PDB file of N, CA and C in Angstrom:
ATOM      1  N   MET A   1      92.743  30.374 -15.178  1.00  0.00           N
ATOM      2  CA  MET A   1      91.474  31.308 -14.446  1.00  0.00           C
ATOM      3  C   MET A   1      90.535  32.119 -15.512  1.00  0.00           C
ATOM      4  N   THR A   2      89.615  32.458 -15.756  1.00  0.00           N
ATOM      5  CA  THR A   2      89.021  32.986 -16.523  1.00  0.00           C
ATOM      6  C   THR A   2      87.903  33.882 -16.125  1.00  0.00           C
ATOM      7  N   ILE A   3      88.225  35.292 -16.450  1.00  0.00           N
ATOM      8  CA  ILE A   3      88.009  36.379 -15.552  1.00  0.00           C
ATOM      9  C   ILE A   3      86.448  36.757 -16.095  1.00  0.00           C
ATOM     10  N   PRO A   4      85.085  36.363 -15.631  1.00  0.00           N
ATOM     11  CA  PRO A   4      84.033  37.296 -15.813  1.00  0.00           C
ATOM     12  C   PRO A   4      83.718  38.488 -16.277  1.00  0.00           C
ATOM     13  N   LEU A   5      83.524  38.450 -17.601  1.00  0.00           N
ATOM     14  CA  LEU A   5      82.980  39.378 -18.120  1.00  0.00           C
ATOM     15  C   LEU A   5      81.712  40.031 -17.583  1.00  0.00           C
ATOM     16  N   ARG A   6      80.563  39.144 -17.613  1.00  0.00           N
ATOM     17  CA  ARG A   6      79.612  39.142 -16.721  1.00  0.00           C
ATOM     18  C   ARG A   6      79.044  38.868 -15.491  1.00  0.00           C
ATOM     19  N   GLN A   7      78.615  39.376 -15.073  1.00  0.00           N
ATOM     20  CA  GLN A   7      77.774  39.502 -13.502  1.00  0.00           C
ATOM     21  C   GLN A   7      76.297  39.396 -13.427  1.00  0.00           C
ATOM     22  N   VAL A   8      76.086  38.464 -13.121  1.00  0.00           N
ATOM     23  CA  VAL A   8      74.563  37.693 -12.447  1.00  0.00           C
ATOM     24  C   VAL A   8      74.367  37.988 -11.050  1.00  0.00           C
ATOM     25  N   LEU A   9      73.563  39.275 -10.609  1.00  0.00           N
ATOM     26  CA  LEU A   9      73.674  39.836  -9.266  1.00  0.00           C
ATOM     27  C   LEU A   9      71.809  39.109  -8.795  1.00  0.00           C
ATOM     28  N   VAL A  10      71.575  38.398  -8.068  1.00  0.00           N
ATOM     29  CA  VAL A  10      70.527  38.041  -7.272  1.00  0.00           C
ATOM     30  C   VAL A  10      70.025  38.332  -6.046  1.00  0.00           C
ATOM     31  N   CYS A  11      69.489  39.265  -5.960  1.00  0.00           N
ATOM     32  CA  CYS A  11      68.874  39.758  -4.183  1.00  0.00           C
ATOM     33  C   CYS A  11      68.776  38.763  -3.656  1.00  0.00           C
ATOM     34  N   GLN A  12      69.627  39.231  -1.970  1.00  0.00           N
ATOM     35  CA  GLN A  12      69.542  38.069  -1.393  1.00  0.00           C
ATOM     36  C   GLN A  12      68.947  39.019   0.441  1.00  0.00           C
ATOM     37  N   TYR A  13      68.487  39.952   0.190  1.00  0.00           N
ATOM     38  CA  TYR A  13      67.503  40.608   0.707  1.00  0.00           C
ATOM     39  C   TYR A  13      66.198  40.093   1.404  1.00  0.00           C
ATOM     40  N   ARG A  14      65.622  41.086   2.646  1.00  0.00           N
ATOM     41  CA  ARG A  14      64.454  40.532   2.589  1.00  0.00           C
ATOM     42  C   ARG A  14      63.314  40.081   2.086  1.00  0.00           C
ATOM     43  N   ASN A  15      63.016  40.967   1.598  1.00  0.00           N
ATOM     44  CA  ASN A  15      62.097  41.260   0.791  1.00  0.00           C
ATOM     45  C   ASN A  15      61.767  40.297  -0.336  1.00  0.00           C
ATOM     46  N   CYS A  16      62.857  39.833  -0.900  1.00  0.00           N
ATOM     47  CA  CYS A  16      62.940  39.146  -2.115  1.00  0.00           C
ATOM     48  C   CYS A  16      63.239  38.396  -1.765  1.00  0.00           C
ATOM     49  N   MET A  17      63.740  37.369  -0.311  1.00  0.00           N
ATOM     50  CA  MET A  17      64.257  36.145  -0.114  1.00  0.00           C
ATOM     51  C   MET A  17      62.371  35.590   0.419  1.00  0.00           C
ATOM     52  N   ALA A  18      61.706  36.515   0.848  1.00  0.00           N
ATOM     53  CA  ALA A  18      60.199  36.296   0.713  1.00  0.00           C
ATOM     54  C   ALA A  18      59.649  35.804  -0.015  1.00  0.00           C
ATOM     55  N   ARG A  19      60.071  36.303  -1.290  1.00  0.00           N
ATOM     56  CA  ARG A  19      59.535  36.244  -2.531  1.00  0.00           C
ATOM     57  C   ARG A  19      59.844  34.828  -3.609  1.00  0.00           C
ATOM     58  N   GLY A  20      61.248  34.088  -2.849  1.00  0.00           N
ATOM     59  CA  GLY A  20      61.677  33.238  -3.271  1.00  0.00           C
ATOM     60  C   GLY A  20      63.084  33.192  -4.097  1.00  0.00           C
ATOM     61  N   ALA A  21      63.298  34.336  -3.366  1.00  0.00           N
ATOM     62  CA  ALA A  21      65.521  34.944  -4.179  1.00  0.00           C
ATOM     63  C   ALA A  21      66.172  33.709  -3.494  1.00  0.00           C
ATOM     64  N   ALA A  22      65.811  32.927  -2.798  1.00  0.00           N
ATOM     65  CA  ALA A  22      67.066  32.043  -1.836  1.00  0.00           C
ATOM     66  C   ALA A  22      67.092  30.821  -3.061  1.00  0.00           C
ATOM     67  N   GLU A  23      65.837  30.249  -3.325  1.00  0.00           N
ATOM     68  CA  GLU A  23      65.486  28.954  -4.430  1.00  0.00           C
ATOM     69  C   GLU A  23      66.079  29.335  -6.052  1.00  0.00           C
ATOM     70  N   LEU A  24      65.741  31.299  -6.244  1.00  0.00           N
ATOM     71  CA  LEU A  24      66.380  31.265  -7.267  1.00  0.00           C
ATOM     72  C   LEU A  24      67.782  31.381  -7.444  1.00  0.00           C
ATOM     73  N   LEU A  25      68.547  31.986  -6.644  1.00  0.00           N
ATOM     74  CA  LEU A  25      69.693  31.667  -6.627  1.00  0.00           C
ATOM     75  C   LEU A  25      70.692  30.389  -6.472  1.00  0.00           C
ATOM     76  N   ASP A  26      69.744  29.162  -5.613  1.00  0.00           N
ATOM     77  CA  ASP A  26      70.293  28.190  -6.031  1.00  0.00           C
ATOM     78  C   ASP A  26      69.654  27.216  -7.501  1.00  0.00           C
ATOM     79  N   GLN A  27      68.866  27.286  -7.983  1.00  0.00           N
ATOM     80  CA  GLN A  27      68.865  27.219  -9.247  1.00  0.00           C
ATOM     81  C   GLN A  27      69.874  27.746 -10.469  1.00  0.00           C
ATOM     82  N   TRP A  28      69.965  29.395 -10.223  1.00  0.00           N
ATOM     83  CA  TRP A  28      71.059  29.410 -10.702  1.00  0.00           C
ATOM     84  C   TRP A  28      72.194  29.026 -11.057  1.00  0.00           C
ATOM     85  N   GLN A  29      73.076  28.907  -9.464  1.00  0.00           N
ATOM     86  CA  GLN A  29      73.848  28.153  -9.296  1.00  0.00           C
ATOM     87  C   GLN A  29      74.554  26.614  -9.930  1.00  0.00           C
ATOM     88  N   ALA A  30      72.777  25.926  -9.876  1.00  0.00           N
ATOM     89  CA  ALA A  30      72.987  24.590 -10.461  1.00  0.00           C
ATOM     90  C   ALA A  30      73.024  24.184 -11.802  1.00  0.00           C
ATOM     91  N   ARG A  31      73.096  25.176 -12.580  1.00  0.00           N
ATOM     92  CA  ARG A  31      72.669  25.371 -14.412  1.00  0.00           C
ATOM     93  C   ARG A  31      74.033  26.077 -14.870  1.00  0.00           C
ATOM     94  N   SER A  32      73.938  25.491 -15.847  1.00  0.00           N
ATOM     95  CA  SER A  32      75.248  25.807 -16.755  1.00  0.00           C
ATOM     96  C   SER A  32      74.874  27.094 -17.211  1.00  0.00           C
ATOM     97  N   VAL A  33      75.660  27.722 -16.754  1.00  0.00           N
ATOM     98  CA  VAL A  33      76.003  29.020 -17.428  1.00  0.00           C
ATOM     99  C   VAL A  33      77.440  29.243 -18.286  1.00  0.00           C
ATOM    100  N   PRO A  34      77.641  30.389 -19.050  1.00  0.00           N
ATOM    101  CA  PRO A  34      78.634  30.679 -19.998  1.00  0.00           C
ATOM    102  C   PRO A  34      79.758  30.972 -19.300  1.00  0.00           C
ATOM    103  N   GLU A  35      80.713  30.586 -19.478  1.00  0.00           N
ATOM    104  CA  GLU A  35      82.479  30.131 -18.621  1.00  0.00           C
ATOM    105  C   GLU A  35      82.701  31.940 -18.294  1.00  0.00           C
ATOM    106  N   ASN A  36      82.243  32.966 -19.104  1.00  0.00           N
ATOM    107  CA  ASN A  36      82.269  34.075 -18.795  1.00  0.00           C
ATOM    108  C   ASN A  36      81.009  34.594 -17.974  1.00  0.00           C
ATOM    109  N   VAL A  37      80.678  34.313 -17.234  1.00  0.00           N
ATOM    110  CA  VAL A  37      79.464  34.499 -16.653  1.00  0.00           C
ATOM    111  C   VAL A  37      79.464  33.860 -15.059  1.00  0.00           C
ATOM    112  N   GLN A  38      79.681  35.234 -14.158  1.00  0.00           N
ATOM    113  CA  GLN A  38      79.527  34.565 -12.614  1.00  0.00           C
ATOM    114  C   GLN A  38      78.213  35.086 -12.066  1.00  0.00           C
ATOM    115  N   VAL A  39      77.286  33.996 -11.261  1.00  0.00           N
ATOM    116  CA  VAL A  39      76.300  33.939 -10.013  1.00  0.00           C
ATOM    117  C   VAL A  39      76.937  34.508  -9.213  1.00  0.00           C
ATOM    118  N   GLU A  40      76.183  35.531  -8.432  1.00  0.00           N
ATOM    119  CA  GLU A  40      76.728  35.967  -7.219  1.00  0.00           C
ATOM    120  C   GLU A  40      75.051  36.196  -6.228  1.00  0.00           C
ATOM    121  N   ALA A  41      75.120  36.090  -5.024  1.00  0.00           N
ATOM    122  CA  ALA A  41      74.181  36.788  -4.436  1.00  0.00           C
ATOM    123  C   ALA A  41      74.562  38.164  -4.253  1.00  0.00           C
ATOM    124  N   SER A  42      73.593  38.691  -4.034  1.00  0.00           N
ATOM    125  CA  SER A  42      74.010  40.350  -3.675  1.00  0.00           C
ATOM    126  C   SER A  42      72.981  40.778  -2.060  1.00  0.00           C
ATOM    127  N   GLY A  43      73.344  41.683  -1.959  1.00  0.00           N
ATOM    128  CA  GLY A  43      72.822  42.359  -1.146  1.00  0.00           C
ATOM    129  C   GLY A  43      71.755  43.013  -1.412  1.00  0.00           C
ATOM    130  N   CYS A  44      70.722  43.976  -1.033  1.00  0.00           N
ATOM    131  CA  CYS A  44      69.311  45.083  -1.231  1.00  0.00           C
ATOM    132  C   CYS A  44      70.260  45.500  -2.706  1.00  0.00           C
ATOM    133  N   LEU A  45      68.994  45.006  -3.666  1.00  0.00           N
ATOM    134  CA  LEU A  45      68.815  45.926  -4.873  1.00  0.00           C
ATOM    135  C   LEU A  45      68.334  47.143  -5.318  1.00  0.00           C
ATOM    136  N   GLY A  46      67.293  47.357  -4.278  1.00  0.00           N
ATOM    137  CA  GLY A  46      66.612  48.473  -3.689  1.00  0.00           C
ATOM    138  C   GLY A  46      65.220  48.555  -4.328  1.00  0.00           C
ATOM    139  N   GLN A  47      64.640  47.520  -4.742  1.00  0.00           N
ATOM    140  CA  GLN A  47      63.790  47.164  -5.654  1.00  0.00           C
ATOM    141  C   GLN A  47      62.990  45.842  -5.114  1.00  0.00           C
ATOM    142  N   CYS A  48      62.459  46.162  -3.927  1.00  0.00           N
ATOM    143  CA  CYS A  48      62.003  45.813  -3.154  1.00  0.00           C
ATOM    144  C   CYS A  48      61.056  44.880  -3.431  1.00  0.00           C
ATOM    145  N   ASN A  49      59.584  45.579  -3.998  1.00  0.00           N
ATOM    146  CA  ASN A  49      57.853  45.720  -4.459  1.00  0.00           C
ATOM    147  C   ASN A  49      58.430  44.994  -5.497  1.00  0.00           C
ATOM    148  N   LEU A  50      59.449  44.615  -6.124  1.00  0.00           N
ATOM    149  CA  LEU A  50      59.190  43.824  -7.524  1.00  0.00           C
ATOM    150  C   LEU A  50      59.946  42.132  -7.560  1.00  0.00           C
ATOM    151  N   GLY A  51      60.379  41.817  -6.443  1.00  0.00           N
ATOM    152  CA  GLY A  51      61.472  40.989  -6.374  1.00  0.00           C
ATOM    153  C   GLY A  51      60.925  39.770  -6.513  1.00  0.00           C
ATOM    154  N   PRO A  52      61.701  38.520  -6.892  1.00  0.00           N
ATOM    155  CA  PRO A  52      63.413  38.840  -6.708  1.00  0.00           C
ATOM    156  C   PRO A  52      63.419  39.386  -7.527  1.00  0.00           C
ATOM    157  N   SER A  53      64.404  40.435  -7.491  1.00  0.00           N
ATOM    158  CA  SER A  53      65.589  41.398  -8.121  1.00  0.00           C
ATOM    159  C   SER A  53      66.570  40.895  -8.656  1.00  0.00           C
ATOM    160  N   MET A  54      67.408  41.029 -10.176  1.00  0.00           N
ATOM    161  CA  MET A  54      68.367  40.847 -10.668  1.00  0.00           C
ATOM    162  C   MET A  54      68.959  41.911 -11.332  1.00  0.00           C
ATOM    163  N   GLN A  55      69.797  41.654 -11.273  1.00  0.00           N
ATOM    164  CA  GLN A  55      70.690  42.670 -12.212  1.00  0.00           C
ATOM    165  C   GLN A  55      71.983  41.838 -13.170  1.00  0.00           C
ATOM    166  N   ILE A  56      71.872  42.495 -13.933  1.00  0.00           N
ATOM    167  CA  ILE A  56      73.340  41.600 -15.107  1.00  0.00           C
ATOM    168  C   ILE A  56      74.055  42.990 -15.105  1.00  0.00           C
ATOM    169  N   LEU A  57      75.466  42.972 -14.832  1.00  0.00           N
ATOM    170  CA  LEU A  57      76.710  43.836 -15.038  1.00  0.00           C
ATOM    171  C   LEU A  57      77.550  43.131 -15.718  1.00  0.00           C
ATOM    172  N   PRO A  58      78.260  44.481 -16.786  1.00  0.00           N
ATOM    173  CA  PRO A  58      77.978  45.313 -17.119  1.00  0.00           C
ATOM    174  C   PRO A  58      77.209  46.054 -17.797  1.00  0.00           C
ATOM    175  N   ASP A  59      76.064  44.986 -18.494  1.00  0.00           N
ATOM    176  CA  ASP A  59      74.716  45.452 -19.221  1.00  0.00           C
ATOM    177  C   ASP A  59      74.066  46.833 -18.759  1.00  0.00           C
ATOM    178  N   GLN A  60      73.621  46.827 -17.615  1.00  0.00           N
ATOM    179  CA  GLN A  60      73.338  47.517 -16.623  1.00  0.00           C
ATOM    180  C   GLN A  60      71.565  47.296 -17.095  1.00  0.00           C
ATOM    181  N   VAL A  61      71.717  45.648 -16.992  1.00  0.00           N
ATOM    182  CA  VAL A  61      70.108  45.079 -16.975  1.00  0.00           C
ATOM    183  C   VAL A  61      69.783  44.992 -15.798  1.00  0.00           C
ATOM    184  N   TRP A  62      68.275  45.326 -15.248  1.00  0.00           N
ATOM    185  CA  TRP A  62      67.694  44.811 -14.302  1.00  0.00           C
ATOM    186  C   TRP A  62      66.073  44.222 -14.743  1.00  0.00           C
ATOM    187  N   TYR A  63      66.193  43.015 -13.938  1.00  0.00           N
ATOM    188  CA  TYR A  63      65.258  42.229 -14.398  1.00  0.00           C
ATOM    189  C   TYR A  63      64.150  42.243 -12.971  1.00  0.00           C
ATOM    190  N   CYS A  64      62.923  41.634 -12.835  1.00  0.00           N
ATOM    191  CA  CYS A  64      62.215  42.076 -11.686  1.00  0.00           C
ATOM    192  C   CYS A  64      61.214  40.606 -11.762  1.00  0.00           C
ATOM    193  N   GLU A  65      60.872  40.372 -10.824  1.00  0.00           N
ATOM    194  CA  GLU A  65      59.382  38.702 -10.238  1.00  0.00           C
ATOM    195  C   GLU A  65      60.569  38.312 -11.270  1.00  0.00           C
ATOM    196  N   VAL A  66      61.820  37.795 -10.950  1.00  0.00           N
ATOM    197  CA  VAL A  66      62.164  36.385 -11.646  1.00  0.00           C
ATOM    198  C   VAL A  66      61.760  35.308 -10.700  1.00  0.00           C
ATOM    199  N   LYS A  67      61.627  33.937 -11.393  1.00  0.00           N
ATOM    200  CA  LYS A  67      60.888  32.935 -11.103  1.00  0.00           C
ATOM    201  C   LYS A  67      62.264  32.191 -11.581  1.00  0.00           C
ATOM    202  N   PRO A  68      62.778  30.725 -11.147  1.00  0.00           N
ATOM    203  CA  PRO A  68      63.602  30.056 -11.834  1.00  0.00           C
ATOM    204  C   PRO A  68      63.002  29.293 -12.885  1.00  0.00           C
ATOM    205  N   GLN A  69      61.733  29.461 -13.291  1.00  0.00           N
ATOM    206  CA  GLN A  69      61.539  28.663 -14.927  1.00  0.00           C
ATOM    207  C   GLN A  69      61.935  29.599 -15.741  1.00  0.00           C
ATOM    208  N   HIS A  70      62.349  31.450 -15.267  1.00  0.00           N
ATOM    209  CA  HIS A  70      62.613  32.281 -16.606  1.00  0.00           C
ATOM    210  C   HIS A  70      64.429  31.850 -16.426  1.00  0.00           C
ATOM    211  N   ILE A  71      64.661  31.238 -15.962  1.00  0.00           N
ATOM    212  CA  ILE A  71      66.513  31.251 -15.844  1.00  0.00           C
ATOM    213  C   ILE A  71      66.838  30.797 -17.121  1.00  0.00           C
ATOM    214  N   GLU A  72      66.361  29.639 -17.727  1.00  0.00           N
ATOM    215  CA  GLU A  72      66.788  29.395 -19.028  1.00  0.00           C
ATOM    216  C   GLU A  72      66.832  29.890 -19.893  1.00  0.00           C
ATOM    217  N   GLN A  73      66.067  30.927 -19.941  1.00  0.00           N
ATOM    218  CA  GLN A  73      65.562  32.247 -21.249  1.00  0.00           C
ATOM    219  C   GLN A  73      66.480  33.064 -21.158  1.00  0.00           C
ATOM    220  N   ILE A  74      66.684  33.695 -19.718  1.00  0.00           N
ATOM    221  CA  ILE A  74      67.737  34.278 -19.327  1.00  0.00           C
ATOM    222  C   ILE A  74      69.013  33.803 -20.183  1.00  0.00           C
ATOM    223  N   ILE A  75      69.459  33.112 -19.610  1.00  0.00           N
ATOM    224  CA  ILE A  75      70.721  32.525 -20.167  1.00  0.00           C
ATOM    225  C   ILE A  75      70.828  32.348 -21.551  1.00  0.00           C
ATOM    226  N   GLU A  76      70.062  31.414 -22.393  1.00  0.00           N
ATOM    227  CA  GLU A  76      69.592  31.494 -23.940  1.00  0.00           C
ATOM    228  C   GLU A  76      69.491  33.333 -24.377  1.00  0.00           C
ATOM    229  N   GLN A  77      68.531  33.793 -23.830  1.00  0.00           N
ATOM    230  CA  GLN A  77      68.721  34.739 -24.981  1.00  0.00           C
ATOM    231  C   GLN A  77      69.503  35.799 -24.425  1.00  0.00           C
ATOM    232  N   HIS A  78      69.503  36.207 -23.314  1.00  0.00           N
ATOM    233  CA  HIS A  78      70.749  37.502 -22.805  1.00  0.00           C
ATOM    234  C   HIS A  78      71.797  37.468 -22.351  1.00  0.00           C
ATOM    235  N   LEU A  79      72.636  35.565 -22.329  1.00  0.00           N
ATOM    236  CA  LEU A  79      73.408  35.752 -21.590  1.00  0.00           C
ATOM    237  C   LEU A  79      74.663  35.275 -23.331  1.00  0.00           C
ATOM    238  N   ARG A  80      73.712  34.395 -23.606  1.00  0.00           N
ATOM    239  CA  ARG A  80      74.703  34.097 -25.030  1.00  0.00           C
ATOM    240  C   ARG A  80      74.267  34.752 -26.427  1.00  0.00           C
ATOM    241  N   ASN A  81      72.410  35.308 -26.076  1.00  0.00           N
ATOM    242  CA  ASN A  81      72.823  35.922 -27.675  1.00  0.00           C
ATOM    243  C   ASN A  81      72.695  37.806 -27.038  1.00  0.00           C
ATOM    244  N   ASN A  82      72.328  38.058 -25.813  1.00  0.00           N
ATOM    245  CA  ASN A  82      72.968  39.326 -25.942  1.00  0.00           C
ATOM    246  C   ASN A  82      71.520  40.291 -26.471  1.00  0.00           C
ATOM    247  N   GLN A  83      70.302  39.573 -26.083  1.00  0.00           N
ATOM    248  CA  GLN A  83      69.072  40.152 -25.892  1.00  0.00           C
ATOM    249  C   GLN A  83      68.694  39.863 -24.571  1.00  0.00           C
ATOM    250  N   PRO A  84      68.152  40.857 -23.938  1.00  0.00           N
ATOM    251  CA  PRO A  84      67.432  41.133 -22.522  1.00  0.00           C
ATOM    252  C   PRO A  84      65.906  40.575 -23.137  1.00  0.00           C
ATOM    253  N   VAL A  85      65.375  39.423 -22.061  1.00  0.00           N
ATOM    254  CA  VAL A  85      64.909  39.325 -21.802  1.00  0.00           C
ATOM    255  C   VAL A  85      62.914  39.986 -21.588  1.00  0.00           C
ATOM    256  N   SER A  86      62.501  41.397 -22.793  1.00  0.00           N
ATOM    257  CA  SER A  86      62.031  42.166 -22.089  1.00  0.00           C
ATOM    258  C   SER A  86      60.760  42.097 -21.542  1.00  0.00           C
ATOM    259  N   SER A  87      60.428  40.940 -21.342  1.00  0.00           N
ATOM    260  CA  SER A  87      58.979  40.496 -19.949  1.00  0.00           C
ATOM    261  C   SER A  87      59.545  40.725 -18.495  1.00  0.00           C
ATOM    262  N   LEU A  88      60.478  40.180 -18.399  1.00  0.00           N
ATOM    263  CA  LEU A  88      61.528  40.523 -17.107  1.00  0.00           C
ATOM    264  C   LEU A  88      62.018  41.380 -16.894  1.00  0.00           C
ATOM    265  N   LEU A  89      61.940  42.987 -17.751  1.00  0.00           N
ATOM    266  CA  LEU A  89      62.896  43.609 -17.398  1.00  0.00           C
ATOM    267  C   LEU A  89      61.768  44.625 -16.751  1.00  0.00           C
ATOM    268  N   ASN A  90      62.868  45.076 -15.697  1.00  0.00           N
ATOM    269  CA  ASN A  90      61.886  46.286 -14.484  1.00  0.00           C
ATOM    270  C   ASN A  90      62.140  47.838 -15.245  1.00  0.00           C
ATOM    271  N   PRO A  91      60.607  48.055 -14.984  1.00  0.00           N
ATOM    272  CA  PRO A  91      59.997  48.710 -15.732  1.00  0.00           C
ATOM    273  C   PRO A  91      60.771  49.945 -15.130  1.00  0.00           C
ATOM    274  N   ARG A  92      61.432  50.415 -13.802  1.00  0.00           N
ATOM    275  CA  ARG A  92      61.660  51.749 -13.261  1.00  0.00           C
ATOM    276  C   ARG A  92      62.698  52.304 -13.863  1.00  0.00           C
ATOM    277  N   PHE A  93      63.463  50.985 -14.774  1.00  0.00           N
ATOM    278  CA  PHE A  93      64.860  51.372 -14.871  1.00  0.00           C
ATOM    279  C   PHE A  93      65.417  50.713 -16.679  1.00  0.00           C
ATOM    280  N   HIS A  94      64.031  50.242 -17.560  1.00  0.00           N
ATOM    281  CA  HIS A  94      63.562  50.291 -18.633  1.00  0.00           C
ATOM    282  C   HIS A  94      62.205  50.677 -19.344  1.00  0.00           C
ATOM    283  N   PHE A  95      62.159  51.608 -19.071  1.00  0.00           N
ATOM    284  CA  PHE A  95      60.800  52.243 -19.565  1.00  0.00           C
ATOM    285  C   PHE A  95      60.214  51.862 -21.217  1.00  0.00           C
ATOM    286  N   ASP A  96      58.908  51.185 -21.615  1.00  0.00           N
ATOM    287  CA  ASP A  96      58.706  50.943 -22.370  1.00  0.00           C
ATOM    288  C   ASP A  96      58.097  52.009 -23.319  1.00  0.00           C
ATOM    289  N   TRP A  97      58.719  52.697 -23.902  1.00  0.00           N
ATOM    290  CA  TRP A  97      57.979  53.571 -24.930  1.00  0.00           C
ATOM    291  C   TRP A  97      57.391  53.345 -25.918  1.00  0.00           C
ATOM    292  N   SER A  98      57.407  52.367 -26.235  1.00  0.00           N
ATOM    293  CA  SER A  98      56.236  51.693 -27.380  1.00  0.00           C
ATOM    294  C   SER A  98      54.744  51.997 -26.794  1.00  0.00           C
ATOM    295  N   ARG A  99      54.596  51.687 -25.351  1.00  0.00           N
ATOM    296  CA  ARG A  99      53.464  51.807 -24.654  1.00  0.00           C
ATOM    297  C   ARG A  99      52.485  53.266 -25.101  1.00  0.00           C
ATOM    298  N   LEU A 100      53.376  53.924 -24.974  1.00  0.00           N
ATOM    299  CA  LEU A 100      53.438  55.571 -25.139  1.00  0.00           C
ATOM    300  C   LEU A 100      52.042  55.280 -26.666  1.00  0.00           C
ATOM    301  N   GLN A 101      53.257  54.994 -27.297  1.00  0.00           N
ATOM    302  CA  GLN A 101      52.660  55.125 -29.066  1.00  0.00           C
ATOM    303  C   GLN A 101      51.520  54.505 -29.255  1.00  0.00           C
ATOM    304  N   GLU A 102      51.492  53.337 -28.858  1.00  0.00           N
ATOM    305  CA  GLU A 102      50.096  52.513 -28.500  1.00  0.00           C
ATOM    306  C   GLU A 102      48.945  53.573 -28.142  1.00  0.00           C
ATOM    307  N   SER A 103      49.270  53.531 -27.817  1.00  0.00           N
ATOM    308  CA  SER A 103      47.527  54.733 -27.051  1.00  0.00           C
ATOM    309  C   SER A 103      46.843  55.826 -28.278  1.00  0.00           C
TER     310      SER A 103
END
């Protein structure tokens, strides 16, 4: 048995469910992810107004407003190549300082 090095947690609480989290989890579970990755349903991740929310551990990367069409990009860019998908990062946890420099 392979011990997962990463967990993909997909919120399945009320607000995220109302925004499509059940379909998102189903789509994740239907995909081929690297063998060291485990996809799991989670309880509330506390980011209700930005759902569906996801967290990838142990990376401490938080994604928000994730749709099924984003899954392949997250798999390829983040899970296979260790580069978080910047356009989906939750700004509460991953503040983009470059936006301040542009002003």
